[in-house]
Amino acid sequence: MVKSLTKHGNSYALVIDKPILELLRVAPDTPFEILSDGQCLVLTPVRKPDEQEKFDRALDRIHTHFGRAMRRLAE
């Protein structure tokens, strides 16, 4: 997906489409951490510790149940 910046007052904004927001499980008031190496920009939603823990547990369950299949697919 290629996006362009949009003029927003004296600044520019990057509009993130609703399906992407839903995929990332973020809302308009979700804070983001912004990192850059001078060439790339990485936006990471800042999660509450309990929400991150819930996500990590779900990821562990997926690895437990489907890890072997995922490794075979990767080969």
C-alpha atoms as a PDB file:
ATOM      1  CA  MET A   1       0.000   0.000   0.000  1.00  0.00           C
ATOM      2  CA  VAL A   2       1.337   3.400  -0.961  1.00  0.00           C
ATOM      3  CA  LYS A   3       0.100   6.466   0.925  1.00  0.00           C
ATOM      4  CA  SER A   4       0.762  10.186   0.552  1.00  0.00           C
ATOM      5  CA  LEU A   5       0.929  12.862   3.211  1.00  0.00           C
ATOM      6  CA  THR A   6      -2.093  15.150   3.592  1.00  0.00           C
ATOM      7  CA  LYS A   7      -1.873  18.829   4.542  1.00  0.00           C
ATOM      8  CA  HIS A   8      -3.257  19.338   8.067  1.00  0.00           C
ATOM      9  CA  GLY A   9      -3.003  22.963   9.214  1.00  0.00           C
ATOM     10  CA  ASN A  10       0.698  23.870   9.266  1.00  0.00           C
ATOM     11  CA  SER A  11       1.693  20.191   9.361  1.00  0.00           C
ATOM     12  CA  TYR A  12       1.267  17.051   7.319  1.00  0.00           C
ATOM     13  CA  ALA A  13      -0.591  13.891   8.318  1.00  0.00           C
ATOM     14  CA  LEU A  14      -0.570  10.285   7.217  1.00  0.00           C
ATOM     15  CA  VAL A  15      -4.124   8.965   7.094  1.00  0.00           C
ATOM     16  CA  ILE A  16      -4.418   5.344   8.243  1.00  0.00           C
ATOM     17  CA  ASP A  17      -7.417   3.512   6.799  1.00  0.00           C
ATOM     18  CA  LYS A  18      -9.979   1.986   9.165  1.00  0.00           C
ATOM     19  CA  PRO A  19      -9.202  -1.676   8.221  1.00  0.00           C
ATOM     20  CA  ILE A  20      -5.560  -1.107   9.186  1.00  0.00           C
ATOM     21  CA  LEU A  21      -6.589   0.472  12.503  1.00  0.00           C
ATOM     22  CA  GLU A  22      -8.825  -2.536  13.213  1.00  0.00           C
ATOM     23  CA  LEU A  23      -6.050  -4.960  12.297  1.00  0.00           C
ATOM     24  CA  LEU A  24      -3.692  -3.216  14.717  1.00  0.00           C
ATOM     25  CA  ARG A  25      -6.426  -3.010  17.376  1.00  0.00           C
ATOM     26  CA  VAL A  26      -5.956   0.743  17.795  1.00  0.00           C
ATOM     27  CA  ALA A  27      -8.327   3.657  18.257  1.00  0.00           C
ATOM     28  CA  PRO A  28      -7.877   7.353  17.444  1.00  0.00           C
ATOM     29  CA  ASP A  29      -6.702   7.985  21.021  1.00  0.00           C
ATOM     30  CA  THR A  30      -4.094   5.175  21.034  1.00  0.00           C
ATOM     31  CA  PRO A  31      -0.585   6.555  21.637  1.00  0.00           C
ATOM     32  CA  PHE A  32       2.168   5.470  19.235  1.00  0.00           C
ATOM     33  CA  GLU A  33       5.892   5.162  19.709  1.00  0.00           C
ATOM     34  CA  ILE A  34       7.708   6.581  16.656  1.00  0.00           C
ATOM     35  CA  LEU A  35      11.168   5.297  15.739  1.00  0.00           C
ATOM     36  CA  SER A  36      13.351   6.215  12.792  1.00  0.00           C
ATOM     37  CA  ASP A  37      16.769   5.289  11.479  1.00  0.00           C
ATOM     38  CA  GLY A  38      16.812   8.360   9.261  1.00  0.00           C
ATOM     39  CA  GLN A  39      15.337   6.510   6.288  1.00  0.00           C
ATOM     40  CA  CYS A  40      12.409   4.527   7.663  1.00  0.00           C
ATOM     41  CA  LEU A  41       9.644   5.369  10.081  1.00  0.00           C
ATOM     42  CA  VAL A  42       8.210   2.726  12.420  1.00  0.00           C
ATOM     43  CA  LEU A  43       4.956   3.385  14.304  1.00  0.00           C
ATOM     44  CA  THR A  44       4.220   1.029  17.193  1.00  0.00           C
ATOM     45  CA  PRO A  45       1.036   1.236  19.255  1.00  0.00           C
ATOM     46  CA  VAL A  46       1.811   1.646  22.942  1.00  0.00           C
ATOM     47  CA  ARG A  47      -0.073  -1.093  24.765  1.00  0.00           C
ATOM     48  CA  LYS A  48      -1.134  -1.212  28.376  1.00  0.00           C
ATOM     49  CA  PRO A  49       0.908  -3.867  30.226  1.00  0.00           C
ATOM     50  CA  ASP A  50      -2.128  -6.119  30.813  1.00  0.00           C
ATOM     51  CA  GLU A  51      -3.117  -5.895  27.141  1.00  0.00           C
ATOM     52  CA  GLN A  52       0.423  -6.780  26.026  1.00  0.00           C
ATOM     53  CA  GLU A  53       0.466  -9.722  28.440  1.00  0.00           C
ATOM     54  CA  LYS A  54      -2.842 -10.987  27.024  1.00  0.00           C
ATOM     55  CA  PHE A  55      -1.422 -10.710  23.499  1.00  0.00           C
ATOM     56  CA  ASP A  56       1.761 -12.557  24.501  1.00  0.00           C
ATOM     57  CA  ARG A  57      -0.266 -15.407  26.053  1.00  0.00           C
ATOM     58  CA  ALA A  58      -2.351 -15.720  22.878  1.00  0.00           C
ATOM     59  CA  LEU A  59       0.816 -15.785  20.775  1.00  0.00           C
ATOM     60  CA  ASP A  60       2.260 -18.534  22.998  1.00  0.00           C
ATOM     61  CA  ARG A  61      -0.913 -20.609  22.512  1.00  0.00           C
ATOM     62  CA  ILE A  62      -0.648 -20.202  18.744  1.00  0.00           C
ATOM     63  CA  HIS A  63       2.991 -21.304  18.802  1.00  0.00           C
ATOM     64  CA  THR A  64       2.097 -24.298  20.981  1.00  0.00           C
ATOM     65  CA  HIS A  65      -0.767 -25.440  18.753  1.00  0.00           C
ATOM     66  CA  PHE A  66       0.493 -24.478  15.305  1.00  0.00           C
ATOM     67  CA  GLY A  67       4.254 -23.964  15.673  1.00  0.00           C
ATOM     68  CA  ARG A  68       5.237 -27.187  13.941  1.00  0.00           C
ATOM     69  CA  ALA A  69       2.890 -26.503  11.016  1.00  0.00           C
ATOM     70  CA  MET A  70       4.199 -22.939  10.725  1.00  0.00           C
ATOM     71  CA  ARG A  71       7.801 -24.190  10.593  1.00  0.00           C
ATOM     72  CA  ARG A  72       6.895 -26.680   7.842  1.00  0.00           C
ATOM     73  CA  LEU A  73       5.125 -23.941   5.875  1.00  0.00           C
ATOM     74  CA  ALA A  74       8.175 -21.705   6.201  1.00  0.00           C
ATOM     75  CA  GLU A  75      10.355 -24.395   4.613  1.00  0.00           C
END
